[in-house]
């Protein structure tokens, strides 16, 4: 524990993650909140895709999506997910593995309302992950929902957030000669205390 100084210091992994993200927002050129989200399908075949992390809560990480998408179906079936945030500008990354739950209450409404109008209408129009015969079909659906909802569309019932409550968080920073610094925070259950271990590069 005494080795965790500098960028690794602190007793709260969520505050540490927020500090790293704040540094990335100041330095990273494109999408500092991008995470590579990993899930598994019904056959155990892994899937990964980029999504945007929207909030680091005191005990969770939150992102939003279409609940009818492939990622959402896989998350709901497994109840688990993982992600990695990697920042080339900082030469750091955070890996997270944990349990999932929906966020579909007032917080989801508030975030949806904060998005640009076209993004809100796009959430209604897109049948995410399902086959699409042409872009023209998609744009026609955008026009249809625009006519229906105008400038104040409500949050779609099939769109909302997922919260990942981690059992593991790993902080990694690039080191000279590929001798990187890695610290893994692990807990046996969500109400258990964290144990921190330095890992070999």
N, C-alpha and C. Protein backbone atom coordinates (compact mmCIF):
# COMPACT_ATOMS: atom_id res chain seq x y z
N UNK A 1 0.82 -1.20 0.00
CA UNK A 1 0.00 0.00 0.00
C UNK A 1 0.86 1.26 0.00
N UNK A 2 2.02 1.20 0.66
CA UNK A 2 2.87 2.38 0.75
C UNK A 2 3.43 2.79 -0.59
N UNK A 3 3.46 1.84 -1.54
CA UNK A 3 3.99 2.16 -2.87
C UNK A 3 3.03 3.01 -3.69
N UNK A 4 1.76 3.06 -3.29
CA UNK A 4 0.78 3.77 -4.11
C UNK A 4 0.85 5.27 -3.84
N UNK A 5 1.81 5.89 -4.48
CA UNK A 5 2.00 7.34 -4.37
C UNK A 5 1.71 7.97 -5.73
N UNK A 6 1.79 9.28 -5.78
CA UNK A 6 1.61 9.98 -7.04
C UNK A 6 0.23 9.72 -7.63
N UNK A 7 0.18 9.34 -8.90
CA UNK A 7 -1.10 9.16 -9.60
C UNK A 7 -1.89 7.97 -9.07
N UNK A 8 -1.27 7.08 -8.29
CA UNK A 8 -1.96 5.91 -7.76
C UNK A 8 -2.44 6.10 -6.32
N UNK A 9 -2.15 7.24 -5.71
CA UNK A 9 -2.46 7.46 -4.30
C UNK A 9 -3.96 7.60 -4.05
N UNK A 10 -4.37 7.18 -2.86
CA UNK A 10 -5.76 7.34 -2.45
C UNK A 10 -6.38 6.05 -1.97
N UNK A 11 -7.46 6.17 -1.22
CA UNK A 11 -8.15 5.02 -0.66
C UNK A 11 -9.51 4.76 -1.30
N UNK A 12 -9.86 5.55 -2.30
CA UNK A 12 -11.16 5.39 -2.97
C UNK A 12 -10.91 5.21 -4.47
N UNK A 13 -11.15 4.01 -5.01
CA UNK A 13 -10.84 3.78 -6.43
C UNK A 13 -11.72 4.60 -7.37
N UNK A 14 -12.93 4.96 -6.93
CA UNK A 14 -13.81 5.76 -7.79
C UNK A 14 -13.31 7.20 -7.87
N UNK A 15 -12.84 7.74 -6.75
CA UNK A 15 -12.24 9.08 -6.78
C UNK A 15 -10.96 9.07 -7.61
N UNK A 16 -10.19 8.00 -7.50
CA UNK A 16 -8.97 7.87 -8.30
C UNK A 16 -9.31 7.81 -9.78
N UNK A 17 -10.32 7.01 -10.13
CA UNK A 17 -10.75 6.92 -11.53
C UNK A 17 -11.24 8.28 -12.04
N UNK A 18 -11.99 9.00 -11.21
CA UNK A 18 -12.48 10.32 -11.62
C UNK A 18 -11.32 11.28 -11.85
N UNK A 19 -10.30 11.20 -11.01
CA UNK A 19 -9.14 12.05 -11.20
C UNK A 19 -8.42 11.76 -12.50
N UNK A 20 -8.28 10.48 -12.82
CA UNK A 20 -7.64 10.11 -14.08
C UNK A 20 -8.50 10.58 -15.26
N UNK A 21 -9.81 10.42 -15.16
CA UNK A 21 -10.69 10.85 -16.24
C UNK A 21 -10.63 12.37 -16.42
N UNK A 22 -10.61 13.11 -15.31
CA UNK A 22 -10.50 14.57 -15.40
C UNK A 22 -9.21 14.97 -16.11
N UNK A 23 -8.11 14.27 -15.80
CA UNK A 23 -6.84 14.56 -16.47
C UNK A 23 -6.93 14.25 -17.96
N UNK A 24 -7.64 13.17 -18.30
CA UNK A 24 -7.79 12.80 -19.70
C UNK A 24 -8.64 13.82 -20.46
N UNK A 25 -9.68 14.32 -19.82
CA UNK A 25 -10.54 15.32 -20.46
C UNK A 25 -9.71 16.55 -20.84
N UNK A 26 -8.72 16.87 -20.02
CA UNK A 26 -7.87 18.04 -20.30
C UNK A 26 -6.83 17.77 -21.37
N UNK A 27 -6.49 16.49 -21.60
CA UNK A 27 -5.37 16.16 -22.49
C UNK A 27 -5.76 15.39 -23.76
N UNK A 28 -6.73 14.50 -23.65
CA UNK A 28 -7.05 13.61 -24.76
C UNK A 28 -7.76 14.38 -25.86
N UNK A 29 -7.35 14.17 -27.10
CA UNK A 29 -7.90 14.92 -28.22
C UNK A 29 -9.32 14.48 -28.55
N UNK A 30 -9.54 13.18 -28.62
CA UNK A 30 -10.85 12.66 -29.03
C UNK A 30 -11.45 11.73 -27.97
N UNK A 31 -12.69 11.98 -27.63
CA UNK A 31 -13.49 11.07 -26.80
C UNK A 31 -12.77 10.55 -25.56
N UNK A 32 -12.39 11.41 -24.62
CA UNK A 32 -11.72 10.93 -23.41
C UNK A 32 -12.59 10.03 -22.55
N UNK A 33 -13.91 10.05 -22.78
CA UNK A 33 -14.81 9.20 -22.00
C UNK A 33 -15.12 7.87 -22.68
N UNK A 34 -14.46 7.59 -23.81
CA UNK A 34 -14.73 6.34 -24.53
C UNK A 34 -14.24 5.13 -23.75
N UNK A 35 -15.07 4.10 -23.70
CA UNK A 35 -14.69 2.84 -23.07
C UNK A 35 -14.94 1.70 -24.06
N UNK A 36 -14.08 0.69 -24.02
CA UNK A 36 -14.31 -0.53 -24.80
C UNK A 36 -15.08 -1.48 -23.90
N UNK A 37 -16.37 -1.62 -24.16
CA UNK A 37 -17.26 -2.41 -23.33
C UNK A 37 -17.28 -3.86 -23.82
N UNK A 38 -17.06 -4.80 -22.90
CA UNK A 38 -17.03 -6.22 -23.25
C UNK A 38 -18.19 -6.96 -22.59
N UNK A 39 -18.84 -7.82 -23.38
CA UNK A 39 -19.92 -8.67 -22.90
C UNK A 39 -19.72 -10.05 -23.52
N UNK A 40 -20.57 -11.01 -23.15
CA UNK A 40 -20.56 -12.32 -23.81
C UNK A 40 -21.98 -12.66 -24.24
N UNK A 41 -22.10 -13.39 -25.36
CA UNK A 41 -23.42 -13.78 -25.82
C UNK A 41 -23.84 -15.10 -25.17
N UNK A 42 -24.99 -15.63 -25.60
CA UNK A 42 -25.53 -16.84 -24.98
C UNK A 42 -24.62 -18.04 -25.14
N UNK A 43 -23.75 -18.02 -26.16
CA UNK A 43 -22.81 -19.12 -26.38
C UNK A 43 -21.47 -18.89 -25.71
N UNK A 44 -21.35 -17.79 -24.97
CA UNK A 44 -20.09 -17.46 -24.31
C UNK A 44 -19.09 -16.80 -25.23
N UNK A 45 -19.52 -16.41 -26.44
CA UNK A 45 -18.62 -15.74 -27.39
C UNK A 45 -18.50 -14.27 -27.00
N UNK A 46 -17.27 -13.77 -26.78
CA UNK A 46 -17.11 -12.38 -26.35
C UNK A 46 -17.49 -11.38 -27.43
N UNK A 47 -17.88 -10.21 -26.99
CA UNK A 47 -18.23 -9.10 -27.85
C UNK A 47 -17.61 -7.84 -27.24
N UNK A 48 -17.13 -6.93 -28.06
CA UNK A 48 -16.59 -5.67 -27.56
C UNK A 48 -16.97 -4.55 -28.51
N UNK A 49 -17.21 -3.37 -27.94
CA UNK A 49 -17.53 -2.20 -28.75
C UNK A 49 -17.27 -0.95 -27.92
N UNK A 50 -17.09 0.18 -28.62
CA UNK A 50 -16.84 1.44 -27.94
C UNK A 50 -18.17 2.11 -27.58
N UNK A 51 -18.28 2.56 -26.34
CA UNK A 51 -19.40 3.38 -25.90
C UNK A 51 -18.82 4.53 -25.07
N UNK A 52 -19.66 5.48 -24.73
CA UNK A 52 -19.19 6.61 -23.94
C UNK A 52 -19.64 6.50 -22.49
N UNK A 53 -18.68 6.55 -21.59
CA UNK A 53 -18.99 6.57 -20.16
C UNK A 53 -19.58 7.94 -19.83
N UNK A 54 -20.71 7.95 -19.12
CA UNK A 54 -21.37 9.22 -18.84
C UNK A 54 -21.21 9.69 -17.41
N UNK A 55 -20.91 8.78 -16.49
CA UNK A 55 -20.77 9.22 -15.10
C UNK A 55 -19.99 8.19 -14.30
N UNK A 56 -19.17 8.70 -13.39
CA UNK A 56 -18.58 7.86 -12.35
C UNK A 56 -19.28 8.23 -11.06
N UNK A 57 -20.06 7.30 -10.55
CA UNK A 57 -20.78 7.52 -9.29
C UNK A 57 -19.88 7.11 -8.12
N UNK A 58 -20.32 7.32 -6.89
CA UNK A 58 -19.49 6.93 -5.74
C UNK A 58 -19.17 5.44 -5.67
N UNK A 59 -19.96 4.59 -6.38
CA UNK A 59 -19.71 3.16 -6.32
C UNK A 59 -20.02 2.46 -7.65
N UNK A 60 -20.00 3.20 -8.76
CA UNK A 60 -20.38 2.59 -10.03
C UNK A 60 -19.97 3.47 -11.21
N UNK A 61 -20.01 2.85 -12.40
CA UNK A 61 -19.76 3.52 -13.67
C UNK A 61 -21.03 3.39 -14.51
N UNK A 62 -21.44 4.47 -15.18
CA UNK A 62 -22.73 4.49 -15.86
C UNK A 62 -22.56 4.88 -17.34
N UNK A 63 -23.25 4.12 -18.21
CA UNK A 63 -23.35 4.50 -19.62
C UNK A 63 -24.78 4.25 -20.07
N UNK A 64 -25.14 4.75 -21.27
CA UNK A 64 -26.51 4.67 -21.77
C UNK A 64 -26.55 3.99 -23.13
N UNK A 65 -27.69 3.34 -23.40
CA UNK A 65 -27.82 2.61 -24.67
C UNK A 65 -29.28 2.26 -24.92
N UNK A 66 -29.51 1.61 -26.05
CA UNK A 66 -30.82 1.06 -26.40
C UNK A 66 -30.94 -0.30 -25.72
N UNK A 67 -32.01 -0.51 -24.94
CA UNK A 67 -32.17 -1.77 -24.22
C UNK A 67 -32.47 -2.95 -25.16
N UNK A 68 -32.78 -2.65 -26.41
CA UNK A 68 -33.05 -3.72 -27.38
C UNK A 68 -31.83 -4.04 -28.23
N UNK A 69 -30.69 -3.42 -27.92
CA UNK A 69 -29.46 -3.67 -28.67
C UNK A 69 -28.83 -4.99 -28.25
N UNK A 70 -27.88 -5.45 -29.05
CA UNK A 70 -27.17 -6.69 -28.73
C UNK A 70 -26.45 -6.57 -27.39
N UNK A 71 -25.79 -5.44 -27.16
CA UNK A 71 -25.04 -5.28 -25.92
C UNK A 71 -25.95 -5.37 -24.70
N UNK A 72 -27.13 -4.74 -24.81
CA UNK A 72 -28.07 -4.74 -23.69
C UNK A 72 -28.59 -6.15 -23.42
N UNK A 73 -28.93 -6.88 -24.48
CA UNK A 73 -29.41 -8.25 -24.29
C UNK A 73 -28.34 -9.11 -23.61
N UNK A 74 -27.09 -8.92 -24.02
CA UNK A 74 -26.00 -9.71 -23.43
C UNK A 74 -25.76 -9.32 -21.97
N UNK A 75 -25.82 -8.05 -21.69
CA UNK A 75 -25.65 -7.58 -20.31
C UNK A 75 -26.77 -8.12 -19.42
N UNK A 76 -27.99 -8.04 -19.89
CA UNK A 76 -29.13 -8.49 -19.08
C UNK A 76 -29.06 -9.99 -18.82
N UNK A 77 -28.63 -10.76 -19.82
CA UNK A 77 -28.57 -12.21 -19.67
C UNK A 77 -27.49 -12.62 -18.68
N UNK A 78 -26.35 -11.95 -18.73
CA UNK A 78 -25.22 -12.34 -17.87
C UNK A 78 -25.23 -11.64 -16.52
N UNK A 79 -25.75 -10.41 -16.50
CA UNK A 79 -25.71 -9.62 -15.27
C UNK A 79 -24.31 -9.12 -14.96
N UNK A 80 -23.42 -9.17 -15.94
CA UNK A 80 -22.02 -8.80 -15.74
C UNK A 80 -21.50 -8.13 -17.01
N UNK A 81 -20.46 -7.31 -16.84
CA UNK A 81 -19.81 -6.68 -17.98
C UNK A 81 -18.42 -6.23 -17.55
N UNK A 82 -17.62 -5.88 -18.54
CA UNK A 82 -16.27 -5.37 -18.29
C UNK A 82 -15.99 -4.25 -19.28
N UNK A 83 -15.05 -3.39 -18.94
CA UNK A 83 -14.62 -2.38 -19.90
C UNK A 83 -13.19 -1.96 -19.61
N UNK A 84 -12.59 -1.33 -20.62
CA UNK A 84 -11.28 -0.72 -20.46
C UNK A 84 -11.36 0.70 -21.01
N UNK A 85 -10.78 1.65 -20.28
CA UNK A 85 -10.57 3.02 -20.77
C UNK A 85 -9.08 3.16 -20.99
N UNK A 86 -8.70 3.59 -22.19
CA UNK A 86 -7.28 3.75 -22.49
C UNK A 86 -7.05 5.15 -23.04
N UNK A 87 -6.08 5.85 -22.46
CA UNK A 87 -5.77 7.21 -22.90
C UNK A 87 -4.33 7.26 -23.39
N UNK A 88 -4.16 7.38 -24.71
CA UNK A 88 -2.80 7.44 -25.28
C UNK A 88 -2.07 8.69 -24.80
N UNK A 89 -2.80 9.79 -24.64
CA UNK A 89 -2.14 11.04 -24.25
C UNK A 89 -1.52 10.93 -22.86
N UNK A 90 -2.18 10.19 -21.96
CA UNK A 90 -1.68 10.05 -20.59
C UNK A 90 -0.85 8.78 -20.41
N UNK A 91 -0.96 7.87 -21.38
CA UNK A 91 -0.30 6.57 -21.29
C UNK A 91 -0.76 5.84 -20.02
N UNK A 92 -2.09 5.83 -19.86
CA UNK A 92 -2.72 5.17 -18.73
C UNK A 92 -3.96 4.43 -19.20
N UNK A 93 -4.40 3.46 -18.40
CA UNK A 93 -5.67 2.83 -18.66
C UNK A 93 -6.28 2.32 -17.35
N UNK A 94 -7.60 2.14 -17.39
CA UNK A 94 -8.36 1.58 -16.27
C UNK A 94 -9.18 0.42 -16.81
N UNK A 95 -9.10 -0.72 -16.14
CA UNK A 95 -9.91 -1.88 -16.49
C UNK A 95 -10.89 -2.16 -15.36
N UNK A 96 -12.15 -2.48 -15.73
CA UNK A 96 -13.21 -2.70 -14.75
C UNK A 96 -13.97 -3.97 -15.11
N UNK A 97 -14.28 -4.78 -14.08
CA UNK A 97 -15.13 -5.95 -14.24
C UNK A 97 -16.15 -5.92 -13.10
N UNK A 98 -17.44 -6.16 -13.42
CA UNK A 98 -18.40 -6.11 -12.34
C UNK A 98 -19.80 -6.54 -12.71
N UNK A 99 -20.72 -6.26 -11.80
CA UNK A 99 -22.12 -6.62 -11.92
C UNK A 99 -22.90 -5.42 -12.46
N UNK A 100 -24.01 -5.71 -13.13
CA UNK A 100 -24.75 -4.66 -13.82
C UNK A 100 -26.17 -4.51 -13.30
N UNK A 101 -26.69 -3.31 -13.48
CA UNK A 101 -28.10 -3.04 -13.20
C UNK A 101 -28.55 -1.89 -14.09
N UNK A 102 -29.83 -1.82 -14.36
CA UNK A 102 -30.37 -0.74 -15.19
C UNK A 102 -30.43 0.57 -14.41
N UNK A 103 -30.32 1.66 -15.16
CA UNK A 103 -30.61 3.00 -14.65
C UNK A 103 -31.68 3.57 -15.59
N UNK A 104 -32.94 3.50 -15.14
CA UNK A 104 -34.04 3.95 -16.01
C UNK A 104 -35.03 4.84 -15.28
N UNK A 105 -34.51 5.54 -14.28
CA UNK A 105 -35.36 6.44 -13.52
C UNK A 105 -35.11 7.90 -13.88
N UNK A 106 -35.30 8.80 -12.92
CA UNK A 106 -35.13 10.23 -13.17
C UNK A 106 -33.75 10.60 -13.70
N UNK A 107 -32.71 9.88 -13.26
CA UNK A 107 -31.36 10.19 -13.74
C UNK A 107 -31.25 9.93 -15.25
N UNK A 108 -31.88 8.84 -15.72
CA UNK A 108 -31.88 8.55 -17.15
C UNK A 108 -32.68 9.62 -17.91
N UNK A 109 -33.80 10.03 -17.35
CA UNK A 109 -34.60 11.10 -17.98
C UNK A 109 -33.78 12.38 -18.10
N UNK A 110 -33.07 12.71 -17.04
CA UNK A 110 -32.28 13.94 -17.01
C UNK A 110 -31.16 13.89 -18.05
N UNK A 111 -30.47 12.75 -18.13
CA UNK A 111 -29.39 12.66 -19.11
C UNK A 111 -29.96 12.72 -20.53
N UNK A 112 -31.05 11.99 -20.78
CA UNK A 112 -31.65 12.01 -22.11
C UNK A 112 -32.03 13.43 -22.52
N UNK A 113 -32.62 14.18 -21.60
CA UNK A 113 -33.05 15.55 -21.89
C UNK A 113 -31.87 16.47 -22.15
N UNK A 114 -30.68 16.12 -21.64
CA UNK A 114 -29.51 16.97 -21.84
C UNK A 114 -28.86 16.77 -23.21
N UNK A 115 -29.24 15.72 -23.92
CA UNK A 115 -28.64 15.44 -25.22
C UNK A 115 -29.19 16.39 -26.28
N UNK A 116 -28.45 16.53 -27.37
CA UNK A 116 -28.93 17.34 -28.48
C UNK A 116 -30.21 16.76 -29.07
N UNK A 117 -31.02 17.60 -29.67
CA UNK A 117 -32.31 17.15 -30.21
C UNK A 117 -32.14 16.02 -31.21
N UNK A 118 -31.18 16.15 -32.11
CA UNK A 118 -31.01 15.11 -33.13
C UNK A 118 -30.61 13.77 -32.51
N UNK A 119 -29.83 13.81 -31.44
CA UNK A 119 -29.46 12.58 -30.75
C UNK A 119 -30.68 11.96 -30.06
N UNK A 120 -31.54 12.81 -29.50
CA UNK A 120 -32.75 12.30 -28.85
C UNK A 120 -33.70 11.67 -29.86
N UNK A 121 -33.84 12.32 -31.01
CA UNK A 121 -34.69 11.75 -32.06
C UNK A 121 -34.07 10.49 -32.64
N UNK A 122 -32.73 10.49 -32.75
CA UNK A 122 -32.04 9.31 -33.25
C UNK A 122 -32.25 8.10 -32.36
N UNK A 123 -32.35 8.33 -31.05
CA UNK A 123 -32.60 7.22 -30.12
C UNK A 123 -33.95 6.57 -30.41
N UNK A 124 -34.94 7.39 -30.78
CA UNK A 124 -36.25 6.85 -31.15
C UNK A 124 -36.18 6.12 -32.49
N UNK A 125 -35.43 6.66 -33.43
CA UNK A 125 -35.47 6.15 -34.80
C UNK A 125 -34.68 4.87 -35.01
N UNK A 126 -33.59 4.71 -34.28
CA UNK A 126 -32.70 3.57 -34.52
C UNK A 126 -33.14 2.30 -33.81
N UNK A 127 -33.29 1.24 -34.55
CA UNK A 127 -33.50 -0.09 -33.97
C UNK A 127 -32.12 -0.73 -33.83
N UNK A 128 -31.39 -0.25 -32.87
CA UNK A 128 -29.96 -0.55 -32.73
C UNK A 128 -29.64 -2.04 -32.80
N UNK A 129 -28.61 -2.35 -33.57
CA UNK A 129 -28.06 -3.69 -33.76
C UNK A 129 -28.87 -4.57 -34.71
N UNK A 130 -30.06 -4.12 -35.12
CA UNK A 130 -30.88 -4.94 -36.00
C UNK A 130 -30.67 -4.55 -37.47
N UNK A 131 -30.94 -5.46 -38.41
CA UNK A 131 -30.68 -5.19 -39.83
C UNK A 131 -31.41 -3.94 -40.32
N UNK A 132 -30.75 -3.22 -41.24
CA UNK A 132 -31.29 -1.99 -41.83
C UNK A 132 -31.09 -2.08 -43.34
N UNK A 133 -32.16 -1.92 -44.12
CA UNK A 133 -32.02 -2.11 -45.57
C UNK A 133 -31.33 -0.95 -46.27
N UNK A 134 -31.42 0.27 -45.70
CA UNK A 134 -30.73 1.40 -46.33
C UNK A 134 -30.70 2.58 -45.36
N UNK A 135 -29.77 3.50 -45.62
CA UNK A 135 -29.73 4.72 -44.80
C UNK A 135 -30.98 5.56 -45.02
N UNK A 136 -31.53 5.49 -46.24
CA UNK A 136 -32.74 6.25 -46.54
C UNK A 136 -33.89 5.83 -45.62
N UNK A 137 -33.97 4.55 -45.32
CA UNK A 137 -35.00 4.05 -44.41
C UNK A 137 -34.83 4.65 -43.02
N UNK A 138 -33.57 4.69 -42.57
CA UNK A 138 -33.29 5.27 -41.26
C UNK A 138 -33.67 6.74 -41.22
N UNK A 139 -33.28 7.49 -42.27
CA UNK A 139 -33.57 8.92 -42.28
C UNK A 139 -35.08 9.19 -42.38
N UNK A 140 -35.79 8.31 -43.06
CA UNK A 140 -37.25 8.45 -43.13
C UNK A 140 -37.86 8.25 -41.75
N UNK A 141 -37.29 7.32 -40.97
CA UNK A 141 -37.79 7.09 -39.62
C UNK A 141 -37.47 8.29 -38.72
N UNK A 142 -36.30 8.90 -38.91
CA UNK A 142 -35.97 10.12 -38.16
C UNK A 142 -36.99 11.22 -38.47
N UNK A 143 -37.33 11.36 -39.74
CA UNK A 143 -38.32 12.37 -40.13
C UNK A 143 -39.68 12.06 -39.50
N UNK A 144 -40.06 10.79 -39.46
CA UNK A 144 -41.35 10.40 -38.89
C UNK A 144 -41.42 10.72 -37.40
N UNK A 145 -40.35 10.36 -36.66
CA UNK A 145 -40.39 10.63 -35.21
C UNK A 145 -40.25 12.13 -34.94
N UNK A 146 -39.55 12.84 -35.82
CA UNK A 146 -39.45 14.30 -35.67
C UNK A 146 -40.83 14.94 -35.79
N UNK A 147 -41.61 14.46 -36.76
CA UNK A 147 -42.95 15.00 -36.94
C UNK A 147 -43.85 14.66 -35.76
N UNK A 148 -43.64 13.48 -35.19
CA UNK A 148 -44.48 13.04 -34.09
C UNK A 148 -44.15 13.76 -32.78
N UNK A 149 -42.83 13.91 -32.47
CA UNK A 149 -42.44 14.41 -31.15
C UNK A 149 -41.97 15.86 -31.14
N UNK A 150 -41.68 16.42 -32.30
CA UNK A 150 -41.25 17.81 -32.35
C UNK A 150 -39.92 18.05 -31.64
N UNK A 151 -39.86 19.13 -30.88
CA UNK A 151 -38.59 19.53 -30.27
C UNK A 151 -38.42 19.05 -28.83
N UNK A 152 -39.38 18.28 -28.33
CA UNK A 152 -39.28 17.82 -26.94
C UNK A 152 -39.68 16.34 -26.81
N UNK A 153 -38.93 15.46 -27.46
CA UNK A 153 -39.29 14.04 -27.38
C UNK A 153 -39.03 13.48 -25.99
N UNK A 154 -39.92 12.62 -25.49
CA UNK A 154 -39.68 11.98 -24.19
C UNK A 154 -38.61 10.88 -24.35
N UNK A 155 -38.05 10.45 -23.23
CA UNK A 155 -37.09 9.33 -23.31
C UNK A 155 -37.83 8.07 -23.76
N UNK A 156 -37.31 7.38 -24.77
CA UNK A 156 -37.96 6.14 -25.20
C UNK A 156 -37.96 5.10 -24.09
N UNK A 157 -39.01 4.31 -23.98
CA UNK A 157 -39.05 3.29 -22.93
C UNK A 157 -37.99 2.20 -23.13
N UNK A 158 -37.45 2.12 -24.33
CA UNK A 158 -36.43 1.10 -24.64
C UNK A 158 -35.01 1.67 -24.57
N UNK A 159 -34.86 2.84 -24.00
CA UNK A 159 -33.55 3.50 -23.95
C UNK A 159 -33.27 3.96 -22.52
N UNK A 160 -32.06 3.67 -22.05
CA UNK A 160 -31.71 4.09 -20.70
C UNK A 160 -30.29 3.70 -20.36
N UNK A 161 -30.00 3.66 -19.09
CA UNK A 161 -28.62 3.44 -18.66
C UNK A 161 -28.37 2.06 -18.09
N UNK A 162 -27.08 1.75 -18.03
CA UNK A 162 -26.60 0.60 -17.27
C UNK A 162 -25.54 1.10 -16.31
N UNK A 163 -25.61 0.57 -15.12
CA UNK A 163 -24.64 0.87 -14.08
C UNK A 163 -23.78 -0.38 -13.90
N UNK A 164 -22.47 -0.22 -13.93
CA UNK A 164 -21.56 -1.33 -13.65
C UNK A 164 -20.98 -1.10 -12.26
N UNK A 165 -21.28 -2.03 -11.35
CA UNK A 165 -20.75 -1.98 -9.99
C UNK A 165 -19.56 -2.94 -9.93
N UNK A 166 -18.37 -2.43 -9.86
CA UNK A 166 -17.20 -3.29 -10.03
C UNK A 166 -16.84 -4.16 -8.83
N UNK A 167 -16.36 -5.33 -9.17
CA UNK A 167 -15.69 -6.21 -8.22
C UNK A 167 -14.18 -6.12 -8.40
N UNK A 168 -13.76 -5.63 -9.57
CA UNK A 168 -12.35 -5.44 -9.84
C UNK A 168 -12.14 -4.14 -10.62
N UNK A 169 -11.13 -3.38 -10.23
CA UNK A 169 -10.70 -2.19 -10.96
C UNK A 169 -9.17 -2.24 -11.01
N UNK A 170 -8.63 -2.13 -12.19
CA UNK A 170 -7.16 -2.12 -12.31
C UNK A 170 -6.70 -0.80 -12.93
N UNK A 171 -5.73 -0.19 -12.28
CA UNK A 171 -5.12 1.05 -12.77
C UNK A 171 -3.74 0.72 -13.32
N UNK A 172 -3.49 1.14 -14.55
CA UNK A 172 -2.26 0.83 -15.27
C UNK A 172 -1.63 2.11 -15.79
N UNK A 173 -0.33 2.25 -15.63
CA UNK A 173 0.39 3.39 -16.21
C UNK A 173 1.65 2.89 -16.88
N UNK A 174 1.93 3.45 -18.03
CA UNK A 174 3.08 3.05 -18.83
C UNK A 174 4.38 3.31 -18.08
N UNK A 175 5.30 2.36 -18.18
CA UNK A 175 6.61 2.51 -17.55
C UNK A 175 7.73 2.33 -18.55
N UNK A 176 8.89 2.84 -18.22
CA UNK A 176 10.05 2.70 -19.11
C UNK A 176 10.39 1.23 -19.29
N UNK A 177 10.83 0.90 -20.51
CA UNK A 177 11.25 -0.46 -20.85
C UNK A 177 10.11 -1.47 -20.64
N UNK A 178 8.88 -1.00 -20.80
CA UNK A 178 7.67 -1.83 -20.64
C UNK A 178 7.53 -2.39 -19.23
N UNK A 179 8.16 -1.74 -18.28
CA UNK A 179 8.01 -2.11 -16.87
C UNK A 179 6.91 -1.23 -16.27
N UNK A 180 5.69 -1.55 -16.64
CA UNK A 180 4.55 -0.72 -16.29
C UNK A 180 4.18 -0.87 -14.81
N UNK A 181 3.45 0.11 -14.31
CA UNK A 181 2.89 0.05 -12.96
C UNK A 181 1.43 -0.37 -13.05
N UNK A 182 1.08 -1.39 -12.26
CA UNK A 182 -0.30 -1.91 -12.26
C UNK A 182 -0.74 -2.18 -10.82
N UNK A 183 -1.91 -1.65 -10.48
CA UNK A 183 -2.49 -1.92 -9.17
C UNK A 183 -3.92 -2.42 -9.36
N UNK A 184 -4.23 -3.59 -8.83
CA UNK A 184 -5.56 -4.17 -8.94
C UNK A 184 -6.30 -4.02 -7.61
N UNK A 185 -7.47 -3.41 -7.69
CA UNK A 185 -8.38 -3.29 -6.54
C UNK A 185 -9.42 -4.39 -6.71
N UNK A 186 -9.57 -5.25 -5.69
CA UNK A 186 -10.52 -6.35 -5.78
C UNK A 186 -11.33 -6.45 -4.49
N UNK A 187 -12.60 -6.86 -4.66
CA UNK A 187 -13.44 -7.14 -3.50
C UNK A 187 -14.29 -8.37 -3.82
N UNK A 188 -14.56 -9.18 -2.82
CA UNK A 188 -15.28 -10.43 -3.02
C UNK A 188 -16.76 -10.21 -3.28
N UNK A 189 -17.29 -9.11 -2.79
CA UNK A 189 -18.70 -8.77 -2.96
C UNK A 189 -18.83 -7.26 -2.92
N UNK A 190 -19.98 -6.74 -3.36
CA UNK A 190 -20.15 -5.29 -3.44
C UNK A 190 -20.08 -4.61 -2.09
N UNK A 191 -20.40 -5.33 -1.02
CA UNK A 191 -20.33 -4.74 0.31
C UNK A 191 -19.05 -5.09 1.06
N UNK A 192 -18.10 -5.71 0.36
CA UNK A 192 -16.83 -6.10 0.99
C UNK A 192 -15.79 -5.01 0.84
N UNK A 193 -14.76 -5.08 1.66
CA UNK A 193 -13.67 -4.10 1.59
C UNK A 193 -12.77 -4.40 0.39
N UNK A 194 -12.18 -3.35 -0.14
CA UNK A 194 -11.24 -3.50 -1.25
C UNK A 194 -9.90 -4.02 -0.75
N UNK A 195 -9.28 -4.87 -1.55
CA UNK A 195 -7.88 -5.27 -1.34
C UNK A 195 -7.11 -4.81 -2.57
N UNK A 196 -5.96 -4.22 -2.33
CA UNK A 196 -5.16 -3.67 -3.42
C UNK A 196 -3.86 -4.45 -3.55
N UNK A 197 -3.57 -4.87 -4.78
CA UNK A 197 -2.37 -5.68 -5.05
C UNK A 197 -1.60 -5.07 -6.21
N UNK A 198 -0.28 -4.92 -6.02
CA UNK A 198 0.54 -4.53 -7.16
C UNK A 198 0.76 -5.76 -8.03
N UNK A 199 0.62 -5.58 -9.35
CA UNK A 199 0.79 -6.67 -10.30
C UNK A 199 2.06 -6.48 -11.11
N UNK A 200 2.62 -7.59 -11.56
CA UNK A 200 3.73 -7.52 -12.50
C UNK A 200 3.25 -6.87 -13.80
N UNK A 201 4.15 -6.22 -14.52
CA UNK A 201 3.77 -5.63 -15.81
C UNK A 201 3.24 -6.68 -16.79
